[in-house]
Amino acid sequence: MNDAEREQTRKDFADAVNMTASKLEKWLGTDESQQVGDKSSGESTGHASGRRIVDLLKTKRDDLTDSDYQHMRKVVGYVHRHLAQRPDGDVEESRWRYSLMNWGHDPVGN
């Protein structure tokens, strides 16, 4: 990945992840967070991703690895796909919202 691709990935990630590290970390500790997503291995994929996102948000730009950038791209893709599947009605307490929040995006704002 070249510098321009890294920069674009950072920008896209910053646009997709609208929760701060502390807010996301607090959210991941809730029952609602732990009750959504695919749990084939005990912890849902989104919950594990959320823990990694917290780490990414705390990592300095120069310390990001290729693996970090790959995960950032995965997050962006997930958020965009999931936003396109917004259900009708109030989403405030929906599994759809909770799943997105595990990936660092709160669709009803901060």
PDB file of N, CA and C in Angstrom:
ATOM      1  N   MET A   1       0.854  -1.176   0.000  1.00  0.00           N
ATOM      2  CA  MET A   1       0.000   0.000   0.000  1.00  0.00           C
ATOM      3  C   MET A   1       0.900   1.240   0.000  1.00  0.00           C
ATOM      4  N   ASN A   2       0.638   2.136  -0.927  1.00  0.00           N
ATOM      5  CA  ASN A   2       1.468   3.339  -0.998  1.00  0.00           C
ATOM      6  C   ASN A   2       0.921   4.433  -0.071  1.00  0.00           C
ATOM      7  N   ASP A   3       1.654   5.528   0.009  1.00  0.00           N
ATOM      8  CA  ASP A   3       1.286   6.605   0.936  1.00  0.00           C
ATOM      9  C   ASP A   3      -0.096   7.195   0.638  1.00  0.00           C
ATOM     10  N   ALA A   4      -0.419   7.355  -0.641  1.00  0.00           N
ATOM     11  CA  ALA A   4      -1.725   7.915  -1.012  1.00  0.00           C
ATOM     12  C   ALA A   4      -2.852   6.972  -0.583  1.00  0.00           C
ATOM     13  N   GLU A   5      -2.647   5.686  -0.744  1.00  0.00           N
ATOM     14  CA  GLU A   5      -3.661   4.705  -0.327  1.00  0.00           C
ATOM     15  C   GLU A   5      -3.811   4.690   1.198  1.00  0.00           C
ATOM     16  N   ARG A   6      -2.700   4.815   1.891  1.00  0.00           N
ATOM     17  CA  ARG A   6      -2.767   4.888   3.358  1.00  0.00           C
ATOM     18  C   ARG A   6      -3.539   6.122   3.808  1.00  0.00           C
ATOM     19  N   GLU A   7      -3.245   7.239   3.190  1.00  0.00           N
ATOM     20  CA  GLU A   7      -3.924   8.489   3.542  1.00  0.00           C
ATOM     21  C   GLU A   7      -5.425   8.375   3.276  1.00  0.00           C
ATOM     22  N   GLN A   8      -5.801   7.809   2.133  1.00  0.00           N
ATOM     23  CA  GLN A   8      -7.217   7.646   1.808  1.00  0.00           C
ATOM     24  C   GLN A   8      -7.887   6.686   2.794  1.00  0.00           C
ATOM     25  N   THR A   9      -7.187   5.635   3.167  1.00  0.00           N
ATOM     26  CA  THR A   9      -7.729   4.677   4.142  1.00  0.00           C
ATOM     27  C   THR A   9      -7.957   5.355   5.486  1.00  0.00           C
ATOM     28  N   ARG A  10      -6.998   6.164   5.933  1.00  0.00           N
ATOM     29  CA  ARG A  10      -7.167   6.893   7.199  1.00  0.00           C
ATOM     30  C   ARG A  10      -8.368   7.830   7.128  1.00  0.00           C
ATOM     31  N   LYS A  11      -8.527   8.519   6.009  1.00  0.00           N
ATOM     32  CA  LYS A  11      -9.651   9.450   5.836  1.00  0.00           C
ATOM     33  C   LYS A  11     -10.975   8.684   5.857  1.00  0.00           C
ATOM     34  N   ASP A  12     -11.051   7.601   5.103  1.00  0.00           N
ATOM     35  CA  ASP A  12     -12.283   6.816   5.045  1.00  0.00           C
ATOM     36  C   ASP A  12     -12.620   6.233   6.418  1.00  0.00           C
ATOM     37  N   PHE A  13     -11.607   5.780   7.136  1.00  0.00           N
ATOM     38  CA  PHE A  13     -11.793   5.223   8.475  1.00  0.00           C
ATOM     39  C   PHE A  13     -12.309   6.305   9.420  1.00  0.00           C
ATOM     40  N   ALA A  14     -11.724   7.489   9.356  1.00  0.00           N
ATOM     41  CA  ALA A  14     -12.160   8.599  10.217  1.00  0.00           C
ATOM     42  C   ALA A  14     -13.599   9.006   9.909  1.00  0.00           C
ATOM     43  N   ASP A  15     -13.995   8.909   8.649  1.00  0.00           N
ATOM     44  CA  ASP A  15     -15.376   9.224   8.265  1.00  0.00           C
ATOM     45  C   ASP A  15     -16.347   8.151   8.768  1.00  0.00           C
ATOM     46  N   ALA A  16     -15.930   6.889   8.730  1.00  0.00           N
ATOM     47  CA  ALA A  16     -16.806   5.773   9.112  1.00  0.00           C
ATOM     48  C   ALA A  16     -16.924   5.620  10.621  1.00  0.00           C
ATOM     49  N   VAL A  17     -15.831   5.834  11.333  1.00  0.00           N
ATOM     50  CA  VAL A  17     -15.813   5.637  12.784  1.00  0.00           C
ATOM     51  C   VAL A  17     -16.093   6.990  13.446  1.00  0.00           C
ATOM     52  N   ASN A  18     -17.321   7.148  13.931  1.00  0.00           N
ATOM     53  CA  ASN A  18     -17.700   8.433  14.526  1.00  0.00           C
ATOM     54  C   ASN A  18     -17.771   8.374  16.052  1.00  0.00           C
ATOM     55  N   MET A  19     -17.279   7.286  16.629  1.00  0.00           N
ATOM     56  CA  MET A  19     -17.224   7.175  18.091  1.00  0.00           C
ATOM     57  C   MET A  19     -15.782   7.353  18.540  1.00  0.00           C
ATOM     58  N   THR A  20     -15.598   7.995  19.672  1.00  0.00           N
ATOM     59  CA  THR A  20     -14.247   8.135  20.220  1.00  0.00           C
ATOM     60  C   THR A  20     -13.816   6.802  20.826  1.00  0.00           C
ATOM     61  N   ALA A  21     -12.530   6.665  21.057  1.00  0.00           N
ATOM     62  CA  ALA A  21     -12.008   5.441  21.661  1.00  0.00           C
ATOM     63  C   ALA A  21     -12.661   5.194  23.018  1.00  0.00           C
ATOM     64  N   SER A  22     -12.810   6.231  23.823  1.00  0.00           N
ATOM     65  CA  SER A  22     -13.384   6.046  25.158  1.00  0.00           C
ATOM     66  C   SER A  22     -14.865   5.691  25.086  1.00  0.00           C
ATOM     67  N   LYS A  23     -15.605   6.315  24.183  1.00  0.00           N
ATOM     68  CA  LYS A  23     -17.023   5.996  24.041  1.00  0.00           C
ATOM     69  C   LYS A  23     -17.202   4.562  23.529  1.00  0.00           C
ATOM     70  N   LEU A  24     -16.395   4.167  22.566  1.00  0.00           N
ATOM     71  CA  LEU A  24     -16.480   2.812  22.026  1.00  0.00           C
ATOM     72  C   LEU A  24     -16.100   1.782  23.084  1.00  0.00           C
ATOM     73  N   GLU A  25     -15.056   2.075  23.829  1.00  0.00           N
ATOM     74  CA  GLU A  25     -14.610   1.159  24.885  1.00  0.00           C
ATOM     75  C   GLU A  25     -15.725   0.972  25.933  1.00  0.00           C
ATOM     76  N   LYS A  26     -16.369   2.059  26.302  1.00  0.00           N
ATOM     77  CA  LYS A  26     -17.471   1.992  27.267  1.00  0.00           C
ATOM     78  C   LYS A  26     -18.629   1.179  26.686  1.00  0.00           C
ATOM     79  N   TRP A  27     -18.969   1.431  25.424  1.00  0.00           N
ATOM     80  CA  TRP A  27     -20.046   0.701  24.753  1.00  0.00           C
ATOM     81  C   TRP A  27     -19.760  -0.802  24.729  1.00  0.00           C
ATOM     82  N   LEU A  28     -18.535  -1.176  24.417  1.00  0.00           N
ATOM     83  CA  LEU A  28     -18.187  -2.596  24.299  1.00  0.00           C
ATOM     84  C   LEU A  28     -18.366  -3.349  25.619  1.00  0.00           C
ATOM     85  N   GLY A  29     -18.417  -2.634  26.719  1.00  0.00           N
ATOM     86  CA  GLY A  29     -18.617  -3.257  28.016  1.00  0.00           C
ATOM     87  C   GLY A  29     -20.079  -3.481  28.377  1.00  0.00           C
ATOM     88  N   THR A  30     -20.996  -3.040  27.515  1.00  0.00           N
ATOM     89  CA  THR A  30     -22.421  -3.178  27.823  1.00  0.00           C
ATOM     90  C   THR A  30     -22.972  -4.530  27.388  1.00  0.00           C
ATOM     91  N   ASP A  31     -24.064  -4.931  28.015  1.00  0.00           N
ATOM     92  CA  ASP A  31     -24.747  -6.166  27.624  1.00  0.00           C
ATOM     93  C   ASP A  31     -25.251  -6.081  26.191  1.00  0.00           C
ATOM     94  N   GLU A  32     -25.772  -4.917  25.800  1.00  0.00           N
ATOM     95  CA  GLU A  32     -26.300  -4.742  24.444  1.00  0.00           C
ATOM     96  C   GLU A  32     -25.221  -5.000  23.398  1.00  0.00           C
ATOM     97  N   SER A  33     -24.030  -4.516  23.653  1.00  0.00           N
ATOM     98  CA  SER A  33     -22.923  -4.713  22.722  1.00  0.00           C
ATOM     99  C   SER A  33     -22.587  -6.183  22.566  1.00  0.00           C
ATOM    100  N   GLN A  34     -22.603  -6.893  23.666  1.00  0.00           N
ATOM    101  CA  GLN A  34     -22.184  -8.291  23.654  1.00  0.00           C
ATOM    102  C   GLN A  34     -23.270  -9.244  23.167  1.00  0.00           C
ATOM    103  N   GLN A  35     -24.500  -8.736  22.987  1.00  0.00           N
ATOM    104  CA  GLN A  35     -25.609  -9.593  22.578  1.00  0.00           C
ATOM    105  C   GLN A  35     -25.865  -9.594  21.082  1.00  0.00           C
ATOM    106  N   VAL A  36     -25.135  -8.797  20.308  1.00  0.00           N
ATOM    107  CA  VAL A  36     -25.382  -8.746  18.861  1.00  0.00           C
ATOM    108  C   VAL A  36     -24.205  -9.321  18.087  1.00  0.00           C
ATOM    109  N   GLY A  37     -24.501  -9.754  16.866  1.00  0.00           N
ATOM    110  CA  GLY A  37     -23.459 -10.222  15.963  1.00  0.00           C
ATOM    111  C   GLY A  37     -23.295 -11.726  15.951  1.00  0.00           C
ATOM    112  N   ASP A  38     -22.473 -12.173  15.018  1.00  0.00           N
ATOM    113  CA  ASP A  38     -22.164 -13.591  14.844  1.00  0.00           C
ATOM    114  C   ASP A  38     -21.197 -14.019  15.943  1.00  0.00           C
ATOM    115  N   LYS A  39     -21.625 -14.995  16.740  1.00  0.00           N
ATOM    116  CA  LYS A  39     -20.811 -15.423  17.878  1.00  0.00           C
ATOM    117  C   LYS A  39     -20.317 -16.852  17.719  1.00  0.00           C
ATOM    118  N   SER A  40     -19.894 -17.235  16.548  1.00  0.00           N
ATOM    119  CA  SER A  40     -19.471 -18.615  16.318  1.00  0.00           C
ATOM    120  C   SER A  40     -18.271 -19.007  17.173  1.00  0.00           C
ATOM    121  N   SER A  41     -17.499 -18.037  17.614  1.00  0.00           N
ATOM    122  CA  SER A  41     -16.309 -18.355  18.418  1.00  0.00           C
ATOM    123  C   SER A  41     -16.399 -17.793  19.839  1.00  0.00           C
ATOM    124  N   GLY A  42     -17.602 -17.505  20.318  1.00  0.00           N
ATOM    125  CA  GLY A  42     -17.765 -16.955  21.661  1.00  0.00           C
ATOM    126  C   GLY A  42     -17.980 -15.458  21.634  1.00  0.00           C
ATOM    127  N   GLU A  43     -17.016 -14.723  21.124  1.00  0.00           N
ATOM    128  CA  GLU A  43     -17.135 -13.263  20.976  1.00  0.00           C
ATOM    129  C   GLU A  43     -17.534 -12.971  19.537  1.00  0.00           C
ATOM    130  N   SER A  44     -18.470 -12.051  19.356  1.00  0.00           N
ATOM    131  CA  SER A  44     -18.889 -11.732  17.988  1.00  0.00           C
ATOM    132  C   SER A  44     -17.753 -11.062  17.219  1.00  0.00           C
ATOM    133  N   THR A  45     -17.820 -11.200  15.909  1.00  0.00           N
ATOM    134  CA  THR A  45     -16.825 -10.585  15.023  1.00  0.00           C
ATOM    135  C   THR A  45     -16.787  -9.075  15.233  1.00  0.00           C
ATOM    136  N   GLY A  46     -17.972  -8.456  15.344  1.00  0.00           N
ATOM    137  CA  GLY A  46     -18.046  -7.011  15.528  1.00  0.00           C
ATOM    138  C   GLY A  46     -17.472  -6.563  16.854  1.00  0.00           C
ATOM    139  N   HIS A  47     -17.714  -7.338  17.901  1.00  0.00           N
ATOM    140  CA  HIS A  47     -17.192  -6.979  19.219  1.00  0.00           C
ATOM    141  C   HIS A  47     -15.671  -7.035  19.213  1.00  0.00           C
ATOM    142  N   ALA A  48     -15.119  -8.084  18.628  1.00  0.00           N
ATOM    143  CA  ALA A  48     -13.655  -8.195  18.520  1.00  0.00           C
ATOM    144  C   ALA A  48     -13.096  -7.055  17.672  1.00  0.00           C
ATOM    145  N   SER A  49     -13.811  -6.720  16.602  1.00  0.00           N
ATOM    146  CA  SER A  49     -13.379  -5.604  15.757  1.00  0.00           C
ATOM    147  C   SER A  49     -13.397  -4.306  16.548  1.00  0.00           C
ATOM    148  N   GLY A  50     -14.409  -4.124  17.371  1.00  0.00           N
ATOM    149  CA  GLY A  50     -14.499  -2.911  18.183  1.00  0.00           C
ATOM    150  C   GLY A  50     -13.299  -2.748  19.104  1.00  0.00           C
ATOM    151  N   ARG A  51     -12.865  -3.858  19.697  1.00  0.00           N
ATOM    152  CA  ARG A  51     -11.673  -3.781  20.560  1.00  0.00           C
ATOM    153  C   ARG A  51     -10.458  -3.363  19.740  1.00  0.00           C
ATOM    154  N   ARG A  52     -10.363  -3.873  18.520  1.00  0.00           N
ATOM    155  CA  ARG A  52      -9.229  -3.496  17.667  1.00  0.00           C
ATOM    156  C   ARG A  52      -9.342  -2.032  17.234  1.00  0.00           C
ATOM    157  N   ILE A  53     -10.551  -1.585  16.970  1.00  0.00           N
ATOM    158  CA  ILE A  53     -10.758  -0.182  16.582  1.00  0.00           C
ATOM    159  C   ILE A  53     -10.311   0.744  17.711  1.00  0.00           C
ATOM    160  N   VAL A  54     -10.626   0.391  18.951  1.00  0.00           N
ATOM    161  CA  VAL A  54     -10.164   1.195  20.093  1.00  0.00           C
ATOM    162  C   VAL A  54      -8.647   1.320  20.040  1.00  0.00           C
ATOM    163  N   ASP A  55      -7.962   0.212  19.806  1.00  0.00           N
ATOM    164  CA  ASP A  55      -6.499   0.244  19.710  1.00  0.00           C
ATOM    165  C   ASP A  55      -6.043   1.122  18.548  1.00  0.00           C
ATOM    166  N   LEU A  56      -6.715   0.995  17.399  1.00  0.00           N
ATOM    167  CA  LEU A  56      -6.340   1.793  16.230  1.00  0.00           C
ATOM    168  C   LEU A  56      -6.505   3.283  16.500  1.00  0.00           C
ATOM    169  N   LEU A  57      -7.578   3.637  17.177  1.00  0.00           N
ATOM    170  CA  LEU A  57      -7.821   5.056  17.479  1.00  0.00           C
ATOM    171  C   LEU A  57      -6.762   5.619  18.422  1.00  0.00           C
ATOM    172  N   LYS A  58      -6.146   4.759  19.193  1.00  0.00           N
ATOM    173  CA  LYS A  58      -5.112   5.193  20.139  1.00  0.00           C
ATOM    174  C   LYS A  58      -3.699   5.105  19.561  1.00  0.00           C
ATOM    175  N   THR A  59      -3.573   4.545  18.350  1.00  0.00           N
ATOM    176  CA  THR A  59      -2.265   4.332  17.741  1.00  0.00           C
ATOM    177  C   THR A  59      -1.845   5.552  16.925  1.00  0.00           C
ATOM    178  N   LYS A  60      -0.604   5.955  17.065  1.00  0.00           N
ATOM    179  CA  LYS A  60      -0.071   7.063  16.272  1.00  0.00           C
ATOM    180  C   LYS A  60       0.043   6.639  14.813  1.00  0.00           C
ATOM    181  N   ARG A  61      -0.183   7.583  13.927  1.00  0.00           N
ATOM    182  CA  ARG A  61      -0.157   7.336  12.483  1.00  0.00           C
ATOM    183  C   ARG A  61       1.099   6.588  12.041  1.00  0.00           C
ATOM    184  N   ASP A  62       2.253   7.009  12.529  1.00  0.00           N
ATOM    185  CA  ASP A  62       3.512   6.387  12.104  1.00  0.00           C
ATOM    186  C   ASP A  62       3.684   4.965  12.625  1.00  0.00           C
ATOM    187  N   ASP A  63       2.883   4.578  13.606  1.00  0.00           N
ATOM    188  CA  ASP A  63       2.980   3.240  14.188  1.00  0.00           C
ATOM    189  C   ASP A  63       1.978   2.250  13.591  1.00  0.00           C
ATOM    190  N   LEU A  64       1.127   2.708  12.655  1.00  0.00           N
ATOM    191  CA  LEU A  64       0.150   1.819  12.034  1.00  0.00           C
ATOM    192  C   LEU A  64       0.846   0.839  11.097  1.00  0.00           C
ATOM    193  N   THR A  65       0.431  -0.421  11.161  1.00  0.00           N
ATOM    194  CA  THR A  65       1.013  -1.484  10.326  1.00  0.00           C
ATOM    195  C   THR A  65       0.119  -1.749   9.115  1.00  0.00           C
ATOM    196  N   ASP A  66       0.632  -2.542   8.186  1.00  0.00           N
ATOM    197  CA  ASP A  66      -0.188  -2.940   7.040  1.00  0.00           C
ATOM    198  C   ASP A  66      -1.439  -3.674   7.502  1.00  0.00           C
ATOM    199  N   SER A  67      -1.299  -4.497   8.517  1.00  0.00           N
ATOM    200  CA  SER A  67      -2.451  -5.211   9.082  1.00  0.00           C
ATOM    201  C   SER A  67      -3.476  -4.227   9.639  1.00  0.00           C
ATOM    202  N   ASP A  68      -3.004  -3.168  10.269  1.00  0.00           N
ATOM    203  CA  ASP A  68      -3.912  -2.130  10.783  1.00  0.00           C
ATOM    204  C   ASP A  68      -4.695  -1.487   9.639  1.00  0.00           C
ATOM    205  N   TYR A  69      -4.000  -1.158   8.566  1.00  0.00           N
ATOM    206  CA  TYR A  69      -4.675  -0.545   7.422  1.00  0.00           C
ATOM    207  C   TYR A  69      -5.685  -1.507   6.809  1.00  0.00           C
ATOM    208  N   GLN A  70      -5.366  -2.782   6.757  1.00  0.00           N
ATOM    209  CA  GLN A  70      -6.313  -3.774   6.235  1.00  0.00           C
ATOM    210  C   GLN A  70      -7.565  -3.812   7.103  1.00  0.00           C
ATOM    211  N   HIS A  71      -7.378  -3.747   8.420  1.00  0.00           N
ATOM    212  CA  HIS A  71      -8.547  -3.765   9.302  1.00  0.00           C
ATOM    213  C   HIS A  71      -9.355  -2.477   9.144  1.00  0.00           C
ATOM    214  N   MET A  72      -8.681  -1.372   8.978  1.00  0.00           N
ATOM    215  CA  MET A  72      -9.380  -0.109   8.770  1.00  0.00           C
ATOM    216  C   MET A  72     -10.270  -0.199   7.522  1.00  0.00           C
ATOM    217  N   ARG A  73      -9.755  -0.801   6.471  1.00  0.00           N
ATOM    218  CA  ARG A  73     -10.543  -0.966   5.244  1.00  0.00           C
ATOM    219  C   ARG A  73     -11.736  -1.888   5.485  1.00  0.00           C
ATOM    220  N   LYS A  74     -11.521  -2.939   6.267  1.00  0.00           N
ATOM    221  CA  LYS A  74     -12.610  -3.862   6.607  1.00  0.00           C
ATOM    222  C   LYS A  74     -13.712  -3.118   7.358  1.00  0.00           C
ATOM    223  N   VAL A  75     -13.331  -2.265   8.290  1.00  0.00           N
ATOM    224  CA  VAL A  75     -14.295  -1.480   9.069  1.00  0.00           C
ATOM    225  C   VAL A  75     -15.100  -0.577   8.149  1.00  0.00           C
ATOM    226  N   VAL A  76     -14.422   0.131   7.263  1.00  0.00           N
ATOM    227  CA  VAL A  76     -15.095   1.042   6.329  1.00  0.00           C
ATOM    228  C   VAL A  76     -16.105   0.266   5.480  1.00  0.00           C
ATOM    229  N   GLY A  77     -15.695  -0.872   4.962  1.00  0.00           N
ATOM    230  CA  GLY A  77     -16.588  -1.681   4.138  1.00  0.00           C
ATOM    231  C   GLY A  77     -17.808  -2.144   4.915  1.00  0.00           C
ATOM    232  N   TYR A  78     -17.587  -2.621   6.137  1.00  0.00           N
ATOM    233  CA  TYR A  78     -18.698  -3.090   6.956  1.00  0.00           C
ATOM    234  C   TYR A  78     -19.679  -1.962   7.241  1.00  0.00           C
ATOM    235  N   VAL A  79     -19.165  -0.822   7.675  1.00  0.00           N
ATOM    236  CA  VAL A  79     -20.033   0.308   8.020  1.00  0.00           C
ATOM    237  C   VAL A  79     -20.863   0.721   6.805  1.00  0.00           C
ATOM    238  N   HIS A  80     -20.240   0.839   5.646  1.00  0.00           N
ATOM    239  CA  HIS A  80     -20.972   1.257   4.445  1.00  0.00           C
ATOM    240  C   HIS A  80     -22.045   0.243   4.068  1.00  0.00           C
ATOM    241  N   ARG A  81     -21.707  -1.048   4.113  1.00  0.00           N
ATOM    242  CA  ARG A  81     -22.694  -2.088   3.772  1.00  0.00           C
ATOM    243  C   ARG A  81     -23.859  -2.093   4.764  1.00  0.00           C
ATOM    244  N   HIS A  82     -23.528  -1.980   6.032  1.00  0.00           N
ATOM    245  CA  HIS A  82     -24.554  -2.059   7.069  1.00  0.00           C
ATOM    246  C   HIS A  82     -25.467  -0.825   7.043  1.00  0.00           C
ATOM    247  N   LEU A  83     -24.908   0.342   6.779  1.00  0.00           N
ATOM    248  CA  LEU A  83     -25.728   1.554   6.688  1.00  0.00           C
ATOM    249  C   LEU A  83     -26.754   1.439   5.560  1.00  0.00           C
ATOM    250  N   ALA A  84     -26.390   0.761   4.483  1.00  0.00           N
ATOM    251  CA  ALA A  84     -27.300   0.584   3.348  1.00  0.00           C
ATOM    252  C   ALA A  84     -28.470  -0.334   3.699  1.00  0.00           C
ATOM    253  N   GLN A  85     -28.387  -1.053   4.805  1.00  0.00           N
ATOM    254  CA  GLN A  85     -29.431  -1.992   5.220  1.00  0.00           C
ATOM    255  C   GLN A  85     -30.281  -1.431   6.362  1.00  0.00           C
ATOM    256  N   ARG A  86     -30.315  -0.128   6.496  1.00  0.00           N
ATOM    257  CA  ARG A  86     -31.052   0.502   7.601  1.00  0.00           C
ATOM    258  C   ARG A  86     -32.510   0.046   7.599  1.00  0.00           C
ATOM    259  N   PRO A  87     -32.978  -0.434   8.738  1.00  0.00           N
ATOM    260  CA  PRO A  87     -34.378  -0.855   8.817  1.00  0.00           C
ATOM    261  C   PRO A  87     -35.308   0.344   8.930  1.00  0.00           C
ATOM    262  N   ASP A  88     -36.571   0.108   8.653  1.00  0.00           N
ATOM    263  CA  ASP A  88     -37.585   1.153   8.806  1.00  0.00           C
ATOM    264  C   ASP A  88     -37.848   1.385  10.287  1.00  0.00           C
ATOM    265  N   GLY A  89     -38.336   2.552  10.597  1.00  0.00           N
ATOM    266  CA  GLY A  89     -38.753   2.851  11.960  1.00  0.00           C
ATOM    267  C   GLY A  89     -37.627   3.350  12.836  1.00  0.00           C
ATOM    268  N   ASP A  90     -37.926   3.366  14.124  1.00  0.00           N
ATOM    269  CA  ASP A  90     -36.985   3.861  15.128  1.00  0.00           C
ATOM    270  C   ASP A  90     -35.851   2.854  15.314  1.00  0.00           C
ATOM    271  N   VAL A  91     -34.619   3.296  15.159  1.00  0.00           N
ATOM    272  CA  VAL A  91     -33.465   2.405  15.291  1.00  0.00           C
ATOM    273  C   VAL A  91     -32.713   2.610  16.603  1.00  0.00           C
ATOM    274  N   GLU A  92     -33.206   3.487  17.457  1.00  0.00           N
ATOM    275  CA  GLU A  92     -32.499   3.858  18.687  1.00  0.00           C
ATOM    276  C   GLU A  92     -32.052   2.648  19.499  1.00  0.00           C
ATOM    277  N   GLU A  93     -32.927   1.663  19.679  1.00  0.00           N
ATOM    278  CA  GLU A  93     -32.588   0.484  20.474  1.00  0.00           C
ATOM    279  C   GLU A  93     -32.622  -0.787  19.627  1.00  0.00           C
ATOM    280  N   SER A  94     -32.157  -0.678  18.393  1.00  0.00           N
ATOM    281  CA  SER A  94     -32.214  -1.814  17.469  1.00  0.00           C
ATOM    282  C   SER A  94     -30.895  -2.590  17.438  1.00  0.00           C
ATOM    283  N   ARG A  95     -31.009  -3.853  17.121  1.00  0.00           N
ATOM    284  CA  ARG A  95     -29.820  -4.686  16.946  1.00  0.00           C
ATOM    285  C   ARG A  95     -28.956  -4.133  15.806  1.00  0.00           C
ATOM    286  N   TRP A  96     -29.604  -3.544  14.798  1.00  0.00           N
ATOM    287  CA  TRP A  96     -28.883  -2.951  13.666  1.00  0.00           C
ATOM    288  C   TRP A  96     -27.946  -1.849  14.164  1.00  0.00           C
ATOM    289  N   ARG A  97     -28.481  -0.952  14.992  1.00  0.00           N
ATOM    290  CA  ARG A  97     -27.654   0.134  15.540  1.00  0.00           C
ATOM    291  C   ARG A  97     -26.551  -0.427  16.425  1.00  0.00           C
ATOM    292  N   TYR A  98     -26.900  -1.363  17.300  1.00  0.00           N
ATOM    293  CA  TYR A  98     -25.922  -1.919  18.230  1.00  0.00           C
ATOM    294  C   TYR A  98     -24.773  -2.598  17.488  1.00  0.00           C
ATOM    295  N   SER A  99     -25.107  -3.285  16.405  1.00  0.00           N
ATOM    296  CA  SER A  99     -24.069  -3.932  15.611  1.00  0.00           C
ATOM    297  C   SER A  99     -23.125  -2.900  15.003  1.00  0.00           C
ATOM    298  N   LEU A 100     -23.688  -1.833  14.453  1.00  0.00           N
ATOM    299  CA  LEU A 100     -22.851  -0.759  13.896  1.00  0.00           C
ATOM    300  C   LEU A 100     -21.974  -0.129  14.976  1.00  0.00           C
ATOM    301  N   MET A 101     -22.531   0.042  16.153  1.00  0.00           N
ATOM    302  CA  MET A 101     -21.760   0.655  17.226  1.00  0.00           C
ATOM    303  C   MET A 101     -20.575  -0.223  17.617  1.00  0.00           C
ATOM    304  N   ASN A 102     -20.721  -1.547  17.525  1.00  0.00           N
ATOM    305  CA  ASN A 102     -19.582  -2.428  17.792  1.00  0.00           C
ATOM    306  C   ASN A 102     -18.443  -2.160  16.814  1.00  0.00           C
ATOM    307  N   TRP A 103     -18.786  -1.667  15.634  1.00  0.00           N
ATOM    308  CA  TRP A 103     -17.791  -1.346  14.607  1.00  0.00           C
ATOM    309  C   TRP A 103     -17.395   0.135  14.642  1.00  0.00           C
ATOM    310  N   GLY A 104     -17.794   0.842  15.704  1.00  0.00           N
ATOM    311  CA  GLY A 104     -17.337   2.218  15.907  1.00  0.00           C
ATOM    312  C   GLY A 104     -18.193   3.289  15.283  1.00  0.00           C
ATOM    313  N   HIS A 105     -19.365   2.919  14.759  1.00  0.00           N
ATOM    314  CA  HIS A 105     -20.227   3.914  14.114  1.00  0.00           C
ATOM    315  C   HIS A 105     -21.595   3.940  14.793  1.00  0.00           C
ATOM    316  N   ASP A 106     -21.948   5.099  15.338  1.00  0.00           N
ATOM    317  CA  ASP A 106     -23.265   5.264  15.929  1.00  0.00           C
ATOM    318  C   ASP A 106     -24.125   6.037  14.923  1.00  0.00           C
ATOM    319  N   PRO A 107     -25.104   5.366  14.299  1.00  0.00           N
ATOM    320  CA  PRO A 107     -25.899   6.022  13.249  1.00  0.00           C
ATOM    321  C   PRO A 107     -26.862   7.084  13.761  1.00  0.00           C
ATOM    322  N   VAL A 108     -27.052   7.164  15.062  1.00  0.00           N
ATOM    323  CA  VAL A 108     -27.928   8.211  15.596  1.00  0.00           C
ATOM    324  C   VAL A 108     -27.123   9.326  16.242  1.00  0.00           C
ATOM    325  N   GLY A 109     -25.827   9.315  16.032  1.00  0.00           N
ATOM    326  CA  GLY A 109     -24.969  10.402  16.486  1.00  0.00           C
ATOM    327  C   GLY A 109     -24.244  10.113  17.774  1.00  0.00           C
ATOM    328  N   ASN A 110     -23.482  11.077  18.197  1.00  0.00           N
ATOM    329  CA  ASN A 110     -22.678  10.926  19.412  1.00  0.00           C
ATOM    330  C   ASN A 110     -23.445  11.497  20.535  1.00  0.00           C
TER     331      ASN A 110
END
